[in-house]
């Protein structure tokens, strides 16, 4: 084990600040500690991990649009795994002390692409695409306000 990579408990103390996470994010951030520890052994940096979760979420949306029970469930599971990676990249940034405005901006930009796409993918498969478009409009309206 490398001396540079802290223990799980040290990572929790560093990355899981009280009051930062609410609701389901609390559970996901705790789950993300383990992939964070593994990613710290790799040469990947937080922005690279951010790009990986973007690609995974785009692929998940494509898989969902293929229809069928297994495709939809597989896509949802892949999308959720990417959300865990999203938390891991933030924890990596805290560990490296590299939290930046650019990274926060890119993270929000990626969310504004993938979250509506996820809604549209599910509504396409369900055959209620118009409702999906309305939900995306409401989502984006709430992001602006």
Protein backbone atom coordinates (compact mmCIF):
# COMPACT_ATOMS: atom_id res chain seq x y z
CA UNK A 1 0.00 0.00 0.00
CA UNK A 2 1.33 3.40 -0.96
CA UNK A 3 2.17 5.86 1.82
CA UNK A 4 0.54 8.67 -0.17
CA UNK A 5 -2.93 7.12 -0.16
CA UNK A 6 -4.70 7.52 3.18
CA UNK A 7 -6.83 4.91 4.90
CA UNK A 8 -10.59 4.75 4.38
CA UNK A 9 -11.18 6.46 7.72
CA UNK A 10 -8.77 9.29 6.88
CA UNK A 11 -10.51 9.74 3.53
CA UNK A 12 -13.89 9.87 5.27
CA UNK A 13 -12.61 12.53 7.66
CA UNK A 14 -11.21 14.56 4.77
CA UNK A 15 -13.95 14.13 2.18
CA UNK A 16 -17.21 13.71 4.07
CA UNK A 17 -17.68 17.10 5.63
CA UNK A 18 -20.82 17.40 7.72
CA UNK A 19 -23.60 19.46 6.19
CA UNK A 20 -22.30 19.15 2.61
CA UNK A 21 -24.53 16.25 1.58
CA UNK A 22 -28.28 15.90 1.95
CA UNK A 23 -30.57 12.90 1.52
CA UNK A 24 -29.47 10.25 -0.95
CA UNK A 25 -26.22 12.14 -1.60
CA UNK A 26 -25.13 11.14 1.92
CA UNK A 27 -25.35 7.45 1.04
CA UNK A 28 -23.77 7.87 -2.39
CA UNK A 29 -20.87 9.92 -1.02
CA UNK A 30 -20.16 7.23 1.57
CA UNK A 31 -20.25 4.56 -1.15
CA UNK A 32 -17.89 6.65 -3.29
CA UNK A 33 -15.10 6.55 -0.68
CA UNK A 34 -14.11 3.05 -1.86
CA UNK A 35 -13.76 3.87 -5.59
CA UNK A 36 -12.02 7.10 -4.53
CA UNK A 37 -9.39 5.12 -2.65
CA UNK A 38 -8.86 2.85 -5.67
CA UNK A 39 -8.65 5.82 -8.05
CA UNK A 40 -5.99 7.46 -5.88
CA UNK A 41 -3.67 4.58 -6.82
CA UNK A 42 -4.06 5.41 -10.52
CA UNK A 43 -2.52 8.32 -12.44
CA UNK A 44 -6.03 9.66 -13.16
CA UNK A 45 -6.85 13.16 -11.99
CA UNK A 46 -10.31 14.38 -10.91
CA UNK A 47 -11.11 16.08 -14.25
CA UNK A 48 -10.29 12.86 -16.10
CA UNK A 49 -12.60 10.88 -13.81
CA UNK A 50 -15.26 13.52 -14.47
CA UNK A 51 -14.93 12.89 -18.20
CA UNK A 52 -15.19 9.12 -17.61
CA UNK A 53 -18.49 9.48 -15.75
CA UNK A 54 -19.80 11.74 -18.51
CA UNK A 55 -19.04 9.06 -21.11
CA UNK A 56 -20.56 6.34 -18.90
CA UNK A 57 -23.76 8.33 -18.48
CA UNK A 58 -24.02 9.02 -22.21
CA UNK A 59 -23.53 5.32 -22.92
CA UNK A 60 -26.13 4.47 -20.25
CA UNK A 61 -28.66 6.75 -21.92
CA UNK A 62 -27.98 5.11 -25.28
CA UNK A 63 -28.43 1.65 -23.75
CA UNK A 64 -31.74 2.72 -22.19
CA UNK A 65 -33.07 3.91 -25.55
CA UNK A 66 -32.57 0.42 -26.98
CA UNK A 67 -35.63 -0.65 -25.00
CA UNK A 68 -36.35 -3.90 -23.27
CA UNK A 69 -36.23 -4.69 -19.59
CA UNK A 70 -32.55 -5.69 -19.42
CA UNK A 71 -31.37 -2.74 -21.49
CA UNK A 72 -33.29 -0.26 -19.35
CA UNK A 73 -32.15 -1.83 -16.08
CA UNK A 74 -28.55 -2.10 -17.30
CA UNK A 75 -28.59 1.52 -18.40
CA UNK A 76 -30.00 2.68 -15.07
CA UNK A 77 -27.36 0.69 -13.16
CA UNK A 78 -24.58 2.11 -15.36
CA UNK A 79 -25.95 5.63 -14.89
CA UNK A 80 -25.97 5.12 -11.10
CA UNK A 81 -22.38 3.79 -11.17
CA UNK A 82 -21.39 6.97 -12.98
CA UNK A 83 -23.07 9.02 -10.25
CA UNK A 84 -20.86 7.25 -7.71
CA UNK A 85 -17.85 8.18 -9.87
CA UNK A 86 -19.12 11.76 -9.87
CA UNK A 87 -18.84 11.81 -6.10
CA UNK A 88 -15.45 10.08 -6.29
CA UNK A 89 -14.00 12.81 -8.51
CA UNK A 90 -15.07 15.45 -6.01
CA UNK A 91 -13.50 13.49 -3.19
CA UNK A 92 -10.30 13.13 -5.23
CA UNK A 93 -10.27 16.89 -5.78
CA UNK A 94 -10.60 17.47 -2.04
CA UNK A 95 -7.77 15.01 -1.39
CA UNK A 96 -5.48 16.69 -3.92
CA UNK A 97 -6.58 20.17 -2.80
CA UNK A 98 -7.52 20.94 -6.39
CA UNK A 99 -11.10 22.13 -6.10
CA UNK A 100 -11.54 24.83 -8.72
CA UNK A 101 -14.24 26.99 -10.20
CA UNK A 102 -13.52 25.49 -13.64
CA UNK A 103 -14.07 21.95 -12.31
CA UNK A 104 -17.33 22.99 -10.64
CA UNK A 105 -18.48 24.65 -13.85
CA UNK A 106 -17.64 21.62 -16.01
CA UNK A 107 -19.30 19.31 -13.47
CA UNK A 108 -22.52 21.34 -13.60
CA UNK A 109 -22.34 21.53 -17.39
CA UNK A 110 -22.06 17.74 -17.60
CA UNK A 111 -25.03 17.37 -15.23
CA UNK A 112 -27.06 19.77 -17.36
CA UNK A 113 -26.37 17.51 -20.35
CA UNK A 114 -26.76 14.06 -18.82
CA UNK A 115 -29.69 14.52 -16.43
CA UNK A 116 -32.12 15.78 -19.10
CA UNK A 117 -30.82 13.14 -21.49
CA UNK A 118 -31.57 10.47 -18.88
CA UNK A 119 -35.13 11.77 -18.50
CA UNK A 120 -35.59 11.86 -22.28
CA UNK A 121 -34.19 8.33 -22.64
CA UNK A 122 -36.61 6.93 -20.09
CA UNK A 123 -39.56 8.82 -21.55
CA UNK A 124 -38.65 7.62 -25.05
CA UNK A 125 -38.66 3.99 -23.92
CA UNK A 126 -41.92 4.48 -22.01
CA UNK A 127 -43.54 5.99 -25.09
CA UNK A 128 -44.30 9.32 -23.40
CA UNK A 129 -41.64 11.48 -25.01
CA UNK A 130 -43.76 14.67 -24.76
CA UNK A 131 -43.92 14.37 -20.99
CA UNK A 132 -40.14 13.85 -20.95
CA UNK A 133 -39.64 17.09 -22.91
CA UNK A 134 -41.87 18.93 -20.43
CA UNK A 135 -39.92 17.47 -17.50
CA UNK A 136 -36.62 18.54 -19.10
CA UNK A 137 -37.98 22.06 -19.61
CA UNK A 138 -38.97 22.21 -15.95
CA UNK A 139 -35.57 20.80 -14.90
CA UNK A 140 -33.64 23.35 -16.94
CA UNK A 141 -35.92 26.19 -15.81
CA UNK A 142 -35.23 25.28 -12.17
CA UNK A 143 -31.48 25.12 -12.84
CA UNK A 144 -31.49 28.67 -14.18
CA UNK A 145 -33.46 30.15 -11.28
